[in-house]
Amino acid sequence: MWSWVGHRITGVVIFFFLLVHVLDTSLVRVSPEAYTAVIGAYKNPLMALGETGLVAAIIFHAFNGLRVIAVDFWKKGAKYQRQMLWVVLALWLVTFAGFAIRHLSLALGGH
């Protein structure tokens, strides 16, 4: 059940990010100065943490989506759904840790 909840929450988070992304990118046509100001506002430590959370959501959503496809279309998917969830979580942890270390060191450390 928790993977279902996590999948729905991450889907909503990703949707709202895409909505904001389209809106702030469209500012470039309306006012390049406003676009530059908005992009400049994104360059702070709080946004770096937000980006890290967004990538965590995207990675989980992607791996769990593949698990959902396997459960739905593989004959033995329902039988192995719990084991596949553990694989999803392990893949998420490894992938996210690699990203987070690199991203936060660049975003917060400046190198």
PDB file of N, CA and C in Angstrom:
ATOM      1  N   MET A   1       0.811  -1.188   0.000  1.00  0.00           N
ATOM      2  CA  MET A   1       0.000   0.000   0.000  1.00  0.00           C
ATOM      3  C   MET A   1       0.863   1.264   0.000  1.00  0.00           C
ATOM      4  N   TRP A   2       1.958   1.252   0.761  1.00  0.00           N
ATOM      5  CA  TRP A   2       2.782   2.456   0.841  1.00  0.00           C
ATOM      6  C   TRP A   2       3.447   2.787  -0.480  1.00  0.00           C
ATOM      7  N   SER A   3       3.763   1.774  -1.280  1.00  0.00           N
ATOM      8  CA  SER A   3       4.336   2.073  -2.596  1.00  0.00           C
ATOM      9  C   SER A   3       3.292   2.756  -3.479  1.00  0.00           C
ATOM     10  N   TRP A   4       2.027   2.375  -3.324  1.00  0.00           N
ATOM     11  CA  TRP A   4       0.937   3.015  -4.068  1.00  0.00           C
ATOM     12  C   TRP A   4       0.833   4.484  -3.665  1.00  0.00           C
ATOM     13  N   VAL A   5       0.865   4.749  -2.357  1.00  0.00           N
ATOM     14  CA  VAL A   5       0.786   6.120  -1.850  1.00  0.00           C
ATOM     15  C   VAL A   5       1.996   6.924  -2.347  1.00  0.00           C
ATOM     16  N   GLY A   6       3.185   6.340  -2.218  1.00  0.00           N
ATOM     17  CA  GLY A   6       4.395   7.020  -2.683  1.00  0.00           C
ATOM     18  C   GLY A   6       4.363   7.321  -4.165  1.00  0.00           C
ATOM     19  N   HIS A   7       3.826   6.390  -4.944  1.00  0.00           N
ATOM     20  CA  HIS A   7       3.747   6.591  -6.392  1.00  0.00           C
ATOM     21  C   HIS A   7       2.816   7.753  -6.726  1.00  0.00           C
ATOM     22  N   ARG A   8       1.682   7.833  -6.024  1.00  0.00           N
ATOM     23  CA  ARG A   8       0.734   8.922  -6.273  1.00  0.00           C
ATOM     24  C   ARG A   8       1.306  10.272  -5.835  1.00  0.00           C
ATOM     25  N   ILE A   9       1.937  10.305  -4.664  1.00  0.00           N
ATOM     26  CA  ILE A   9       2.508  11.562  -4.164  1.00  0.00           C
ATOM     27  C   ILE A   9       3.622  12.048  -5.077  1.00  0.00           C
ATOM     28  N   THR A  10       4.519  11.156  -5.475  1.00  0.00           N
ATOM     29  CA  THR A  10       5.608  11.584  -6.358  1.00  0.00           C
ATOM     30  C   THR A  10       5.073  12.020  -7.716  1.00  0.00           C
ATOM     31  N   GLY A  11       4.014  11.389  -8.188  1.00  0.00           N
ATOM     32  CA  GLY A  11       3.410  11.805  -9.449  1.00  0.00           C
ATOM     33  C   GLY A  11       2.861  13.221  -9.369  1.00  0.00           C
ATOM     34  N   VAL A  12       2.210  13.552  -8.261  1.00  0.00           N
ATOM     35  CA  VAL A  12       1.666  14.903  -8.079  1.00  0.00           C
ATOM     36  C   VAL A  12       2.796  15.922  -7.966  1.00  0.00           C
ATOM     37  N   VAL A  13       3.846  15.585  -7.212  1.00  0.00           N
ATOM     38  CA  VAL A  13       4.998  16.486  -7.067  1.00  0.00           C
ATOM     39  C   VAL A  13       5.624  16.770  -8.436  1.00  0.00           C
ATOM     40  N   ILE A  14       5.821  15.729  -9.220  1.00  0.00           N
ATOM     41  CA  ILE A  14       6.420  15.889 -10.549  1.00  0.00           C
ATOM     42  C   ILE A  14       5.510  16.728 -11.445  1.00  0.00           C
ATOM     43  N   PHE A  15       4.204  16.501 -11.374  1.00  0.00           N
ATOM     44  CA  PHE A  15       3.258  17.286 -12.172  1.00  0.00           C
ATOM     45  C   PHE A  15       3.365  18.772 -11.844  1.00  0.00           C
ATOM     46  N   PHE A  16       3.368  19.100 -10.540  1.00  0.00           N
ATOM     47  CA  PHE A  16       3.438  20.512 -10.159  1.00  0.00           C
ATOM     48  C   PHE A  16       4.779  21.133 -10.535  1.00  0.00           C
ATOM     49  N   PHE A  17       5.858  20.360 -10.433  1.00  0.00           N
ATOM     50  CA  PHE A  17       7.147  20.886 -10.889  1.00  0.00           C
ATOM     51  C   PHE A  17       7.076  21.216 -12.377  1.00  0.00           C
ATOM     52  N   LEU A  18       6.533  20.306 -13.167  1.00  0.00           N
ATOM     53  CA  LEU A  18       6.453  20.547 -14.609  1.00  0.00           C
ATOM     54  C   LEU A  18       5.593  21.767 -14.917  1.00  0.00           C
ATOM     55  N   LEU A  19       4.511  21.947 -14.172  1.00  0.00           N
ATOM     56  CA  LEU A  19       3.661  23.120 -14.355  1.00  0.00           C
ATOM     57  C   LEU A  19       4.442  24.403 -14.075  1.00  0.00           C
ATOM     58  N   VAL A  20       5.137  24.448 -12.950  1.00  0.00           N
ATOM     59  CA  VAL A  20       5.933  25.632 -12.599  1.00  0.00           C
ATOM     60  C   VAL A  20       7.057  25.830 -13.614  1.00  0.00           C
ATOM     61  N   HIS A  21       7.668  24.742 -14.040  1.00  0.00           N
ATOM     62  CA  HIS A  21       8.760  24.831 -15.009  1.00  0.00           C
ATOM     63  C   HIS A  21       8.285  25.445 -16.330  1.00  0.00           C
ATOM     64  N   VAL A  22       7.137  25.005 -16.810  1.00  0.00           N
ATOM     65  CA  VAL A  22       6.600  25.567 -18.052  1.00  0.00           C
ATOM     66  C   VAL A  22       6.282  27.046 -17.873  1.00  0.00           C
ATOM     67  N   LEU A  23       5.686  27.393 -16.733  1.00  0.00           N
ATOM     68  CA  LEU A  23       5.339  28.796 -16.489  1.00  0.00           C
ATOM     69  C   LEU A  23       6.575  29.677 -16.379  1.00  0.00           C
ATOM     70  N   ASP A  24       7.580  29.252 -15.621  1.00  0.00           N
ATOM     71  CA  ASP A  24       8.755  30.119 -15.492  1.00  0.00           C
ATOM     72  C   ASP A  24       9.568  30.172 -16.772  1.00  0.00           C
ATOM     73  N   THR A  25       9.577  29.106 -17.544  1.00  0.00           N
ATOM     74  CA  THR A  25      10.282  29.135 -18.824  1.00  0.00           C
ATOM     75  C   THR A  25       9.556  30.030 -19.829  1.00  0.00           C
ATOM     76  N   SER A  26       8.231  30.066 -19.747  1.00  0.00           N
ATOM     77  CA  SER A  26       7.480  30.915 -20.678  1.00  0.00           C
ATOM     78  C   SER A  26       7.709  32.405 -20.416  1.00  0.00           C
ATOM     79  N   LEU A  27       8.229  32.746 -19.254  1.00  0.00           N
ATOM     80  CA  LEU A  27       8.542  34.146 -18.964  1.00  0.00           C
ATOM     81  C   LEU A  27       9.557  34.730 -19.939  1.00  0.00           C
ATOM     82  N   VAL A  28      10.391  33.889 -20.506  1.00  0.00           N
ATOM     83  CA  VAL A  28      11.427  34.382 -21.415  1.00  0.00           C
ATOM     84  C   VAL A  28      10.807  35.086 -22.620  1.00  0.00           C
ATOM     85  N   ARG A  29       9.619  34.661 -23.038  1.00  0.00           N
ATOM     86  CA  ARG A  29       8.944  35.312 -24.172  1.00  0.00           C
ATOM     87  C   ARG A  29       8.264  36.605 -23.751  1.00  0.00           C
ATOM     88  N   VAL A  30       7.797  36.665 -22.509  1.00  0.00           N
ATOM     89  CA  VAL A  30       7.087  37.837 -22.016  1.00  0.00           C
ATOM     90  C   VAL A  30       8.075  38.924 -21.604  1.00  0.00           C
ATOM     91  N   SER A  31       9.042  38.530 -20.778  1.00  0.00           N
ATOM     92  CA  SER A  31      10.005  39.499 -20.263  1.00  0.00           C
ATOM     93  C   SER A  31      11.318  38.782 -19.927  1.00  0.00           C
ATOM     94  N   PRO A  32      12.310  38.922 -20.788  1.00  0.00           N
ATOM     95  CA  PRO A  32      13.598  38.277 -20.500  1.00  0.00           C
ATOM     96  C   PRO A  32      14.180  38.700 -19.147  1.00  0.00           C
ATOM     97  N   GLU A  33      13.917  39.930 -18.725  1.00  0.00           N
ATOM     98  CA  GLU A  33      14.420  40.398 -17.441  1.00  0.00           C
ATOM     99  C   GLU A  33      13.746  39.648 -16.287  1.00  0.00           C
ATOM    100  N   ALA A  34      12.442  39.452 -16.397  1.00  0.00           N
ATOM    101  CA  ALA A  34      11.714  38.701 -15.367  1.00  0.00           C
ATOM    102  C   ALA A  34      12.202  37.257 -15.315  1.00  0.00           C
ATOM    103  N   TYR A  35      12.436  36.678 -16.490  1.00  0.00           N
ATOM    104  CA  TYR A  35      12.949  35.309 -16.553  1.00  0.00           C
ATOM    105  C   TYR A  35      14.306  35.221 -15.850  1.00  0.00           C
ATOM    106  N   THR A  36      15.193  36.148 -16.138  1.00  0.00           N
ATOM    107  CA  THR A  36      16.516  36.162 -15.526  1.00  0.00           C
ATOM    108  C   THR A  36      16.408  36.311 -14.007  1.00  0.00           C
ATOM    109  N   ALA A  37      15.487  37.156 -13.551  1.00  0.00           N
ATOM    110  CA  ALA A  37      15.293  37.349 -12.113  1.00  0.00           C
ATOM    111  C   ALA A  37      14.788  36.069 -11.437  1.00  0.00           C
ATOM    112  N   VAL A  38      13.849  35.390 -12.083  1.00  0.00           N
ATOM    113  CA  VAL A  38      13.310  34.148 -11.512  1.00  0.00           C
ATOM    114  C   VAL A  38      14.391  33.083 -11.467  1.00  0.00           C
ATOM    115  N   ILE A  39      15.133  32.915 -12.534  1.00  0.00           N
ATOM    116  CA  ILE A  39      16.202  31.919 -12.570  1.00  0.00           C
ATOM    117  C   ILE A  39      17.266  32.256 -11.524  1.00  0.00           C
ATOM    118  N   GLY A  40      17.564  33.510 -11.361  1.00  0.00           N
ATOM    119  CA  GLY A  40      18.517  33.926 -10.331  1.00  0.00           C
ATOM    120  C   GLY A  40      18.031  33.592  -8.932  1.00  0.00           C
ATOM    121  N   ALA A  41      16.730  33.711  -8.704  1.00  0.00           N
ATOM    122  CA  ALA A  41      16.159  33.391  -7.395  1.00  0.00           C
ATOM    123  C   ALA A  41      16.273  31.903  -7.072  1.00  0.00           C
ATOM    124  N   TYR A  42      16.371  31.077  -8.098  1.00  0.00           N
ATOM    125  CA  TYR A  42      16.489  29.632  -7.893  1.00  0.00           C
ATOM    126  C   TYR A  42      17.881  29.217  -7.424  1.00  0.00           C
ATOM    127  N   LYS A  43      18.851  30.083  -7.546  1.00  0.00           N
ATOM    128  CA  LYS A  43      20.236  29.727  -7.219  1.00  0.00           C
ATOM    129  C   LYS A  43      20.531  30.021  -5.747  1.00  0.00           C
ATOM    130  N   ASN A  44      19.956  29.195  -4.884  1.00  0.00           N
ATOM    131  CA  ASN A  44      20.217  29.320  -3.456  1.00  0.00           C
ATOM    132  C   ASN A  44      20.161  27.925  -2.824  1.00  0.00           C
ATOM    133  N   PRO A  45      20.699  27.781  -1.611  1.00  0.00           N
ATOM    134  CA  PRO A  45      20.761  26.452  -0.981  1.00  0.00           C
ATOM    135  C   PRO A  45      19.395  25.792  -0.781  1.00  0.00           C
ATOM    136  N   LEU A  46      18.372  26.573  -0.499  1.00  0.00           N
ATOM    137  CA  LEU A  46      17.046  25.992  -0.302  1.00  0.00           C
ATOM    138  C   LEU A  46      16.539  25.334  -1.590  1.00  0.00           C
ATOM    139  N   MET A  47      16.772  25.987  -2.709  1.00  0.00           N
ATOM    140  CA  MET A  47      16.355  25.406  -3.991  1.00  0.00           C
ATOM    141  C   MET A  47      17.183  24.169  -4.331  1.00  0.00           C
ATOM    142  N   ALA A  48      18.462  24.159  -3.926  1.00  0.00           N
ATOM    143  CA  ALA A  48      19.295  22.969  -4.144  1.00  0.00           C
ATOM    144  C   ALA A  48      18.702  21.767  -3.404  1.00  0.00           C
ATOM    145  N   LEU A  49      18.208  22.013  -2.201  1.00  0.00           N
ATOM    146  CA  LEU A  49      17.544  20.934  -1.457  1.00  0.00           C
ATOM    147  C   LEU A  49      16.235  20.537  -2.133  1.00  0.00           C
ATOM    148  N   GLY A  50      15.504  21.521  -2.654  1.00  0.00           N
ATOM    149  CA  GLY A  50      14.274  21.225  -3.384  1.00  0.00           C
ATOM    150  C   GLY A  50      14.530  20.404  -4.635  1.00  0.00           C
ATOM    151  N   GLU A  51      15.584  20.763  -5.360  1.00  0.00           N
ATOM    152  CA  GLU A  51      15.958  19.991  -6.550  1.00  0.00           C
ATOM    153  C   GLU A  51      16.319  18.559  -6.174  1.00  0.00           C
ATOM    154  N   THR A  52      17.008  18.409  -5.054  1.00  0.00           N
ATOM    155  CA  THR A  52      17.383  17.075  -4.590  1.00  0.00           C
ATOM    156  C   THR A  52      16.133  16.261  -4.270  1.00  0.00           C
ATOM    157  N   GLY A  53      15.172  16.879  -3.612  1.00  0.00           N
ATOM    158  CA  GLY A  53      13.905  16.200  -3.336  1.00  0.00           C
ATOM    159  C   GLY A  53      13.143  15.848  -4.596  1.00  0.00           C
ATOM    160  N   LEU A  54      13.177  16.750  -5.563  1.00  0.00           N
ATOM    161  CA  LEU A  54      12.502  16.486  -6.835  1.00  0.00           C
ATOM    162  C   LEU A  54      13.119  15.280  -7.534  1.00  0.00           C
ATOM    163  N   VAL A  55      14.436  15.224  -7.562  1.00  0.00           N
ATOM    164  CA  VAL A  55      15.101  14.082  -8.208  1.00  0.00           C
ATOM    165  C   VAL A  55      14.801  12.796  -7.443  1.00  0.00           C
ATOM    166  N   ALA A  56      14.733  12.863  -6.111  1.00  0.00           N
ATOM    167  CA  ALA A  56      14.358  11.683  -5.325  1.00  0.00           C
ATOM    168  C   ALA A  56      12.975  11.189  -5.749  1.00  0.00           C
ATOM    169  N   ALA A  57      12.043  12.124  -5.935  1.00  0.00           N
ATOM    170  CA  ALA A  57      10.688  11.763  -6.356  1.00  0.00           C
ATOM    171  C   ALA A  57      10.683  11.155  -7.754  1.00  0.00           C
ATOM    172  N   ILE A  58      11.446  11.751  -8.661  1.00  0.00           N
ATOM    173  CA  ILE A  58      11.488  11.249 -10.039  1.00  0.00           C
ATOM    174  C   ILE A  58      12.076   9.844 -10.091  1.00  0.00           C
ATOM    175  N   ILE A  59      13.163   9.621  -9.358  1.00  0.00           N
ATOM    176  CA  ILE A  59      13.803   8.299  -9.366  1.00  0.00           C
ATOM    177  C   ILE A  59      12.852   7.243  -8.802  1.00  0.00           C
ATOM    178  N   PHE A  60      12.220   7.543  -7.657  1.00  0.00           N
ATOM    179  CA  PHE A  60      11.285   6.567  -7.080  1.00  0.00           C
ATOM    180  C   PHE A  60      10.127   6.309  -8.035  1.00  0.00           C
ATOM    181  N   HIS A  61       9.560   7.376  -8.585  1.00  0.00           N
ATOM    182  CA  HIS A  61       8.416   7.233  -9.484  1.00  0.00           C
ATOM    183  C   HIS A  61       8.769   6.375 -10.702  1.00  0.00           C
ATOM    184  N   ALA A  62       9.956   6.581 -11.239  1.00  0.00           N
ATOM    185  CA  ALA A  62      10.376   5.819 -12.420  1.00  0.00           C
ATOM    186  C   ALA A  62      10.566   4.338 -12.088  1.00  0.00           C
ATOM    187  N   PHE A  63      11.331   4.044 -11.040  1.00  0.00           N
ATOM    188  CA  PHE A  63      11.579   2.637 -10.691  1.00  0.00           C
ATOM    189  C   PHE A  63      10.296   1.944 -10.240  1.00  0.00           C
ATOM    190  N   ASN A  64       9.479   2.630  -9.459  1.00  0.00           N
ATOM    191  CA  ASN A  64       8.227   2.018  -9.013  1.00  0.00           C
ATOM    192  C   ASN A  64       7.255   1.842 -10.181  1.00  0.00           C
ATOM    193  N   GLY A  65       7.297   2.756 -11.142  1.00  0.00           N
ATOM    194  CA  GLY A  65       6.460   2.596 -12.337  1.00  0.00           C
ATOM    195  C   GLY A  65       6.821   1.343 -13.116  1.00  0.00           C
ATOM    196  N   LEU A  66       8.110   1.056 -13.201  1.00  0.00           N
ATOM    197  CA  LEU A  66       8.535  -0.186 -13.856  1.00  0.00           C
ATOM    198  C   LEU A  66       8.048  -1.409 -13.077  1.00  0.00           C
ATOM    199  N   ARG A  67       8.059  -1.306 -11.750  1.00  0.00           N
ATOM    200  CA  ARG A  67       7.549  -2.396 -10.910  1.00  0.00           C
ATOM    201  C   ARG A  67       6.050  -2.587 -11.141  1.00  0.00           C
ATOM    202  N   VAL A  68       5.305  -1.499 -11.225  1.00  0.00           N
ATOM    203  CA  VAL A  68       3.862  -1.581 -11.468  1.00  0.00           C
ATOM    204  C   VAL A  68       3.593  -2.247 -12.818  1.00  0.00           C
ATOM    205  N   ILE A  69       4.371  -1.883 -13.819  1.00  0.00           N
ATOM    206  CA  ILE A  69       4.224  -2.512 -15.145  1.00  0.00           C
ATOM    207  C   ILE A  69       4.489  -4.010 -15.048  1.00  0.00           C
ATOM    208  N   ALA A  70       5.547  -4.385 -14.317  1.00  0.00           N
ATOM    209  CA  ALA A  70       5.868  -5.810 -14.158  1.00  0.00           C
ATOM    210  C   ALA A  70       4.740  -6.547 -13.429  1.00  0.00           C
ATOM    211  N   VAL A  71       4.203  -5.944 -12.390  1.00  0.00           N
ATOM    212  CA  VAL A  71       3.096  -6.581 -11.653  1.00  0.00           C
ATOM    213  C   VAL A  71       1.884  -6.752 -12.561  1.00  0.00           C
ATOM    214  N   ASP A  72       1.606  -5.760 -13.390  1.00  0.00           N
ATOM    215  CA  ASP A  72       0.422  -5.804 -14.246  1.00  0.00           C
ATOM    216  C   ASP A  72       0.565  -6.749 -15.437  1.00  0.00           C
ATOM    217  N   PHE A  73       1.754  -6.837 -16.012  1.00  0.00           N
ATOM    218  CA  PHE A  73       1.892  -7.553 -17.279  1.00  0.00           C
ATOM    219  C   PHE A  73       2.689  -8.854 -17.201  1.00  0.00           C
ATOM    220  N   TRP A  74       3.292  -9.157 -16.072  1.00  0.00           N
ATOM    221  CA  TRP A  74       4.045 -10.401 -15.915  1.00  0.00           C
ATOM    222  C   TRP A  74       3.180 -11.367 -15.127  1.00  0.00           C
ATOM    223  N   LYS A  75       3.058 -12.578 -15.603  1.00  0.00           N
ATOM    224  CA  LYS A  75       2.187 -13.558 -14.952  1.00  0.00           C
ATOM    225  C   LYS A  75       2.515 -13.736 -13.470  1.00  0.00           C
ATOM    226  N   LYS A  76       3.793 -13.731 -13.142  1.00  0.00           N
ATOM    227  CA  LYS A  76       4.203 -13.933 -11.752  1.00  0.00           C
ATOM    228  C   LYS A  76       4.433 -12.611 -11.017  1.00  0.00           C
ATOM    229  N   GLY A  77       4.041 -11.511 -11.633  1.00  0.00           N
ATOM    230  CA  GLY A  77       4.275 -10.196 -11.047  1.00  0.00           C
ATOM    231  C   GLY A  77       3.653 -10.015  -9.677  1.00  0.00           C
ATOM    232  N   ALA A  78       2.409 -10.449  -9.527  1.00  0.00           N
ATOM    233  CA  ALA A  78       1.736 -10.288  -8.234  1.00  0.00           C
ATOM    234  C   ALA A  78       2.415 -11.125  -7.152  1.00  0.00           C
ATOM    235  N   LYS A  79       2.925 -12.273  -7.542  1.00  0.00           N
ATOM    236  CA  LYS A  79       3.594 -13.164  -6.586  1.00  0.00           C
ATOM    237  C   LYS A  79       4.878 -12.538  -6.051  1.00  0.00           C
ATOM    238  N   TYR A  80       5.588 -11.828  -6.913  1.00  0.00           N
ATOM    239  CA  TYR A  80       6.886 -11.265  -6.542  1.00  0.00           C
ATOM    240  C   TYR A  80       6.857  -9.755  -6.303  1.00  0.00           C
ATOM    241  N   GLN A  81       5.655  -9.188  -6.140  1.00  0.00           N
ATOM    242  CA  GLN A  81       5.565  -7.737  -6.015  1.00  0.00           C
ATOM    243  C   GLN A  81       6.308  -7.206  -4.798  1.00  0.00           C
ATOM    244  N   ARG A  82       6.310  -7.920  -3.688  1.00  0.00           N
ATOM    245  CA  ARG A  82       7.008  -7.450  -2.483  1.00  0.00           C
ATOM    246  C   ARG A  82       8.524  -7.454  -2.687  1.00  0.00           C
ATOM    247  N   GLN A  83       9.036  -8.516  -3.300  1.00  0.00           N
ATOM    248  CA  GLN A  83      10.475  -8.581  -3.571  1.00  0.00           C
ATOM    249  C   GLN A  83      10.888  -7.494  -4.558  1.00  0.00           C
ATOM    250  N   MET A  84      10.033  -7.245  -5.546  1.00  0.00           N
ATOM    251  CA  MET A  84      10.343  -6.189  -6.511  1.00  0.00           C
ATOM    252  C   MET A  84      10.338  -4.818  -5.847  1.00  0.00           C
ATOM    253  N   LEU A  85       9.485  -4.624  -4.833  1.00  0.00           N
ATOM    254  CA  LEU A  85       9.494  -3.357  -4.108  1.00  0.00           C
ATOM    255  C   LEU A  85      10.826  -3.154  -3.397  1.00  0.00           C
ATOM    256  N   TRP A  86      11.369  -4.197  -2.802  1.00  0.00           N
ATOM    257  CA  TRP A  86      12.676  -4.083  -2.143  1.00  0.00           C
ATOM    258  C   TRP A  86      13.772  -3.766  -3.154  1.00  0.00           C
ATOM    259  N   VAL A  87      13.660  -4.343  -4.350  1.00  0.00           N
ATOM    260  CA  VAL A  87      14.627  -4.027  -5.416  1.00  0.00           C
ATOM    261  C   VAL A  87      14.492  -2.563  -5.813  1.00  0.00           C
ATOM    262  N   VAL A  88      13.261  -2.085  -5.953  1.00  0.00           N
ATOM    263  CA  VAL A  88      13.013  -0.676  -6.277  1.00  0.00           C
ATOM    264  C   VAL A  88      13.649   0.223  -5.219  1.00  0.00           C
ATOM    265  N   LEU A  89      13.427  -0.086  -3.957  1.00  0.00           N
ATOM    266  CA  LEU A  89      13.981   0.736  -2.881  1.00  0.00           C
ATOM    267  C   LEU A  89      15.508   0.710  -2.864  1.00  0.00           C
ATOM    268  N   ALA A  90      16.095  -0.464  -3.135  1.00  0.00           N
ATOM    269  CA  ALA A  90      17.557  -0.554  -3.185  1.00  0.00           C
ATOM    270  C   ALA A  90      18.108   0.245  -4.362  1.00  0.00           C
ATOM    271  N   LEU A  91      17.491   0.106  -5.526  1.00  0.00           N
ATOM    272  CA  LEU A  91      17.923   0.877  -6.699  1.00  0.00           C
ATOM    273  C   LEU A  91      17.757   2.374  -6.465  1.00  0.00           C
ATOM    274  N   TRP A  92      16.638   2.743  -5.840  1.00  0.00           N
ATOM    275  CA  TRP A  92      16.396   4.153  -5.531  1.00  0.00           C
ATOM    276  C   TRP A  92      17.476   4.688  -4.606  1.00  0.00           C
ATOM    277  N   LEU A  93      17.788   3.953  -3.566  1.00  0.00           N
ATOM    278  CA  LEU A  93      18.775   4.408  -2.594  1.00  0.00           C
ATOM    279  C   LEU A  93      20.144   4.604  -3.228  1.00  0.00           C
ATOM    280  N   VAL A  94      20.586   3.644  -4.014  1.00  0.00           N
ATOM    281  CA  VAL A  94      21.901   3.733  -4.658  1.00  0.00           C
ATOM    282  C   VAL A  94      21.934   4.885  -5.658  1.00  0.00           C
ATOM    283  N   THR A  95      20.911   4.971  -6.494  1.00  0.00           N
ATOM    284  CA  THR A  95      20.865   6.018  -7.519  1.00  0.00           C
ATOM    285  C   THR A  95      20.749   7.400  -6.881  1.00  0.00           C
ATOM    286  N   PHE A  96      19.861   7.528  -5.906  1.00  0.00           N
ATOM    287  CA  PHE A  96      19.656   8.817  -5.263  1.00  0.00           C
ATOM    288  C   PHE A  96      20.887   9.246  -4.473  1.00  0.00           C
ATOM    289  N   ALA A  97      21.509   8.327  -3.775  1.00  0.00           N
ATOM    290  CA  ALA A  97      22.706   8.681  -2.997  1.00  0.00           C
ATOM    291  C   ALA A  97      23.797   9.217  -3.916  1.00  0.00           C
ATOM    292  N   GLY A  98      24.008   8.547  -5.051  1.00  0.00           N
ATOM    293  CA  GLY A  98      25.004   9.021  -6.008  1.00  0.00           C
ATOM    294  C   GLY A  98      24.692  10.419  -6.518  1.00  0.00           C
ATOM    295  N   PHE A  99      23.429  10.657  -6.834  1.00  0.00           N
ATOM    296  CA  PHE A  99      23.039  11.985  -7.304  1.00  0.00           C
ATOM    297  C   PHE A  99      23.174  13.025  -6.201  1.00  0.00           C
ATOM    298  N   ALA A 100      22.632  12.732  -5.024  1.00  0.00           N
ATOM    299  CA  ALA A 100      22.576  13.717  -3.942  1.00  0.00           C
ATOM    300  C   ALA A 100      23.972  14.158  -3.517  1.00  0.00           C
ATOM    301  N   ILE A 101      24.877  13.223  -3.401  1.00  0.00           N
ATOM    302  CA  ILE A 101      26.247  13.577  -3.005  1.00  0.00           C
ATOM    303  C   ILE A 101      26.855  14.530  -4.018  1.00  0.00           C
ATOM    304  N   ARG A 102      26.750  14.207  -5.273  1.00  0.00           N
ATOM    305  CA  ARG A 102      27.335  15.036  -6.336  1.00  0.00           C
ATOM    306  C   ARG A 102      26.632  16.392  -6.422  1.00  0.00           C
ATOM    307  N   HIS A 103      25.316  16.378  -6.465  1.00  0.00           N
ATOM    308  CA  HIS A 103      24.556  17.609  -6.643  1.00  0.00           C
ATOM    309  C   HIS A 103      24.747  18.569  -5.468  1.00  0.00           C
ATOM    310  N   LEU A 104      24.611  18.061  -4.263  1.00  0.00           N
ATOM    311  CA  LEU A 104      24.732  18.948  -3.104  1.00  0.00           C
ATOM    312  C   LEU A 104      26.150  19.454  -2.910  1.00  0.00           C
ATOM    313  N   SER A 105      27.138  18.631  -3.259  1.00  0.00           N
ATOM    314  CA  SER A 105      28.514  19.138  -3.151  1.00  0.00           C
ATOM    315  C   SER A 105      28.760  20.258  -4.152  1.00  0.00           C
ATOM    316  N   LEU A 106      28.184  20.152  -5.334  1.00  0.00           N
ATOM    317  CA  LEU A 106      28.330  21.234  -6.332  1.00  0.00           C
ATOM    318  C   LEU A 106      27.473  22.441  -5.965  1.00  0.00           C
ATOM    319  N   ALA A 107      26.234  22.209  -5.554  1.00  0.00           N
ATOM    320  CA  ALA A 107      25.319  23.311  -5.281  1.00  0.00           C
ATOM    321  C   ALA A 107      25.687  24.068  -4.007  1.00  0.00           C
ATOM    322  N   LEU A 108      26.133  23.356  -3.002  1.00  0.00           N
ATOM    323  CA  LEU A 108      26.427  23.996  -1.727  1.00  0.00           C
ATOM    324  C   LEU A 108      27.915  24.327  -1.563  1.00  0.00           C
ATOM    325  N   GLY A 109      28.756  23.511  -2.208  1.00  0.00           N
ATOM    326  CA  GLY A 109      30.193  23.716  -2.081  1.00  0.00           C
ATOM    327  C   GLY A 109      30.751  24.642  -3.142  1.00  0.00           C
ATOM    328  N   GLY A 110      30.074  24.713  -4.259  1.00  0.00           N
ATOM    329  CA  GLY A 110      30.490  25.625  -5.321  1.00  0.00           C
ATOM    330  C   GLY A 110      31.598  25.143  -6.211  1.00  0.00           C
ATOM    331  N   HIS A 111      31.995  23.893  -6.101  1.00  0.00           N
ATOM    332  CA  HIS A 111      33.073  23.387  -6.974  1.00  0.00           C
ATOM    333  C   HIS A 111      32.523  22.468  -7.996  1.00  0.00           C
TER     334      HIS A 111
END
